[in-house]
C-alpha atoms as a PDB file:
ATOM      1  CA  MET A   1     -52.635 -94.507 -10.907  1.00  0.00           C
ATOM      2  CA  THR A   2     -56.206 -94.550  -9.734  1.00  0.00           C
ATOM      3  CA  GLU A   3     -59.090 -93.556 -11.966  1.00  0.00           C
ATOM      4  CA  GLU A   4     -59.667 -90.577  -9.677  1.00  0.00           C
ATOM      5  CA  THR A   5     -56.099 -89.364 -10.260  1.00  0.00           C
ATOM      6  CA  LYS A   6     -56.429 -89.841 -14.024  1.00  0.00           C
ATOM      7  CA  ALA A   7     -59.671 -87.845 -13.946  1.00  0.00           C
ATOM      8  CA  LYS A   8     -57.908 -85.035 -12.054  1.00  0.00           C
ATOM      9  CA  ILE A   9     -55.164 -85.003 -14.715  1.00  0.00           C
ATOM     10  CA  ARG A  10     -57.757 -84.773 -17.513  1.00  0.00           C
ATOM     11  CA  GLU A  11     -59.630 -82.035 -15.662  1.00  0.00           C
ATOM     12  CA  THR A  12     -56.457 -79.998 -15.109  1.00  0.00           C
ATOM     13  CA  LEU A  13     -55.488 -80.345 -18.763  1.00  0.00           C
ATOM     14  CA  ASP A  14     -58.967 -79.396 -19.995  1.00  0.00           C
ATOM     15  CA  LYS A  15     -59.659 -76.477 -17.662  1.00  0.00           C
ATOM     16  CA  GLU A  16     -56.254 -74.958 -16.918  1.00  0.00           C
ATOM     17  CA  ILE A  17     -53.805 -75.837 -19.680  1.00  0.00           C
ATOM     18  CA  ARG A  18     -55.695 -76.462 -22.909  1.00  0.00           C
ATOM     19  CA  PRO A  19     -57.370 -73.032 -23.108  1.00  0.00           C
ATOM     20  CA  ASN A  20     -53.956 -71.316 -23.072  1.00  0.00           C
ATOM     21  CA  LEU A  21     -52.607 -73.541 -25.828  1.00  0.00           C
ATOM     22  CA  GLN A  22     -55.771 -73.159 -27.896  1.00  0.00           C
ATOM     23  CA  ALA A  23     -55.549 -69.373 -27.629  1.00  0.00           C
ATOM     24  CA  ASP A  24     -52.274 -69.627 -29.561  1.00  0.00           C
ATOM     25  CA  GLY A  25     -53.606 -72.069 -32.165  1.00  0.00           C
ATOM     26  CA  GLY A  26     -52.310 -75.227 -30.513  1.00  0.00           C
ATOM     27  CA  ASP A  27     -53.615 -78.043 -28.393  1.00  0.00           C
ATOM     28  CA  LEU A  28     -52.534 -81.261 -26.745  1.00  0.00           C
ATOM     29  CA  GLU A  29     -53.653 -84.851 -26.622  1.00  0.00           C
ATOM     30  CA  LEU A  30     -53.424 -87.052 -23.552  1.00  0.00           C
ATOM     31  CA  VAL A  31     -51.858 -90.265 -24.844  1.00  0.00           C
ATOM     32  CA  ALA A  32     -51.337 -92.247 -21.638  1.00  0.00           C
ATOM     33  CA  VAL A  33     -50.984 -92.044 -17.879  1.00  0.00           C
ATOM     34  CA  GLY A  34     -48.617 -94.627 -16.464  1.00  0.00           C
ATOM     35  CA  ASP A  35     -48.778 -96.208 -13.050  1.00  0.00           C
ATOM     36  CA  ASP A  36     -45.249 -94.819 -12.578  1.00  0.00           C
ATOM     37  CA  GLY A  37     -46.557 -91.235 -12.647  1.00  0.00           C
ATOM     38  CA  VAL A  38     -45.441 -90.464 -16.197  1.00  0.00           C
ATOM     39  CA  VAL A  39     -47.998 -88.586 -18.285  1.00  0.00           C
ATOM     40  CA  GLN A  40     -47.546 -88.911 -22.052  1.00  0.00           C
ATOM     41  CA  LEU A  41     -48.781 -85.975 -24.112  1.00  0.00           C
ATOM     42  CA  ARG A  42     -48.772 -85.078 -27.795  1.00  0.00           C
ATOM     43  CA  LEU A  43     -48.740 -81.429 -28.785  1.00  0.00           C
ATOM     44  CA  THR A  44     -50.894 -80.649 -31.815  1.00  0.00           C
ATOM     45  CA  GLY A  45     -51.751 -77.687 -34.011  1.00  0.00           C
ATOM     46  CA  ALA A  46     -49.383 -74.739 -33.825  1.00  0.00           C
ATOM     47  CA  CYS A  47     -47.692 -76.297 -30.783  1.00  0.00           C
ATOM     48  CA  ALA A  48     -46.550 -79.369 -32.715  1.00  0.00           C
ATOM     49  CA  GLY A  49     -43.989 -77.487 -34.786  1.00  0.00           C
ATOM     50  CA  CYS A  50     -43.171 -74.720 -32.361  1.00  0.00           C
ATOM     51  CA  PRO A  51     -39.504 -74.376 -31.412  1.00  0.00           C
ATOM     52  CA  PHE A  52     -40.591 -73.659 -27.837  1.00  0.00           C
ATOM     53  CA  SER A  53     -42.674 -76.828 -27.458  1.00  0.00           C
ATOM     54  CA  ALA A  54     -40.154 -78.510 -25.125  1.00  0.00           C
ATOM     55  CA  MET A  55     -40.227 -75.456 -22.863  1.00  0.00           C
ATOM     56  CA  THR A  56     -44.023 -75.357 -23.002  1.00  0.00           C
ATOM     57  CA  LEU A  57     -44.188 -78.953 -21.814  1.00  0.00           C
ATOM     58  CA  ALA A  58     -41.522 -78.616 -19.132  1.00  0.00           C
ATOM     59  CA  VAL A  59     -42.354 -75.205 -17.722  1.00  0.00           C
ATOM     60  CA  GLY A  60     -46.030 -74.784 -18.471  1.00  0.00           C
ATOM     61  CA  VAL A  61     -47.658 -78.185 -18.595  1.00  0.00           C
ATOM     62  CA  GLU A  62     -45.462 -80.308 -16.321  1.00  0.00           C
ATOM     63  CA  GLN A  63     -45.212 -77.775 -13.509  1.00  0.00           C
ATOM     64  CA  ARG A  64     -48.947 -77.110 -13.545  1.00  0.00           C
ATOM     65  CA  LEU A  65     -49.819 -80.812 -13.580  1.00  0.00           C
ATOM     66  CA  LYS A  66     -47.408 -81.559 -10.729  1.00  0.00           C
ATOM     67  CA  ALA A  67     -48.908 -78.742  -8.666  1.00  0.00           C
ATOM     68  CA  ALA A  68     -52.470 -79.938  -9.251  1.00  0.00           C
ATOM     69  CA  VAL A  69     -51.775 -83.679  -9.125  1.00  0.00           C
ATOM     70  CA  PRO A  70     -48.823 -84.577  -6.871  1.00  0.00           C
ATOM     71  CA  GLU A  71     -48.779 -88.154  -8.210  1.00  0.00           C
ATOM     72  CA  VAL A  72     -47.449 -86.864 -11.551  1.00  0.00           C
ATOM     73  CA  VAL A  73     -43.709 -87.501 -11.705  1.00  0.00           C
ATOM     74  CA  ARG A  74     -43.019 -86.088 -15.162  1.00  0.00           C
ATOM     75  CA  VAL A  75     -44.524 -85.277 -18.547  1.00  0.00           C
ATOM     76  CA  GLN A  76     -43.157 -87.133 -21.539  1.00  0.00           C
ATOM     77  CA  PRO A  77     -43.717 -85.801 -25.061  1.00  0.00           C
ATOM     78  CA  VAL A  78     -44.914 -88.273 -27.683  1.00  0.00           C
ATOM     79  CA  PRO A  79     -44.420 -87.487 -31.390  1.00  0.00           C
END
């Protein structure tokens, strides 16, 4: 992925996704962005142990990232 695309991913995470997670005591860390369109994220804080974390990533984070950055193929959680 281009640096411009990676910057758009970071911007979307920081401005649109992170504030919602932080409001509930959680957060996320961008681990890697692959050239194959896979974005690796680590949930932290309250999100790390939440039983709904898989749903948060799939429904909340992945869908939003794909809408904002069409080059994103999927979001992969990293422990």
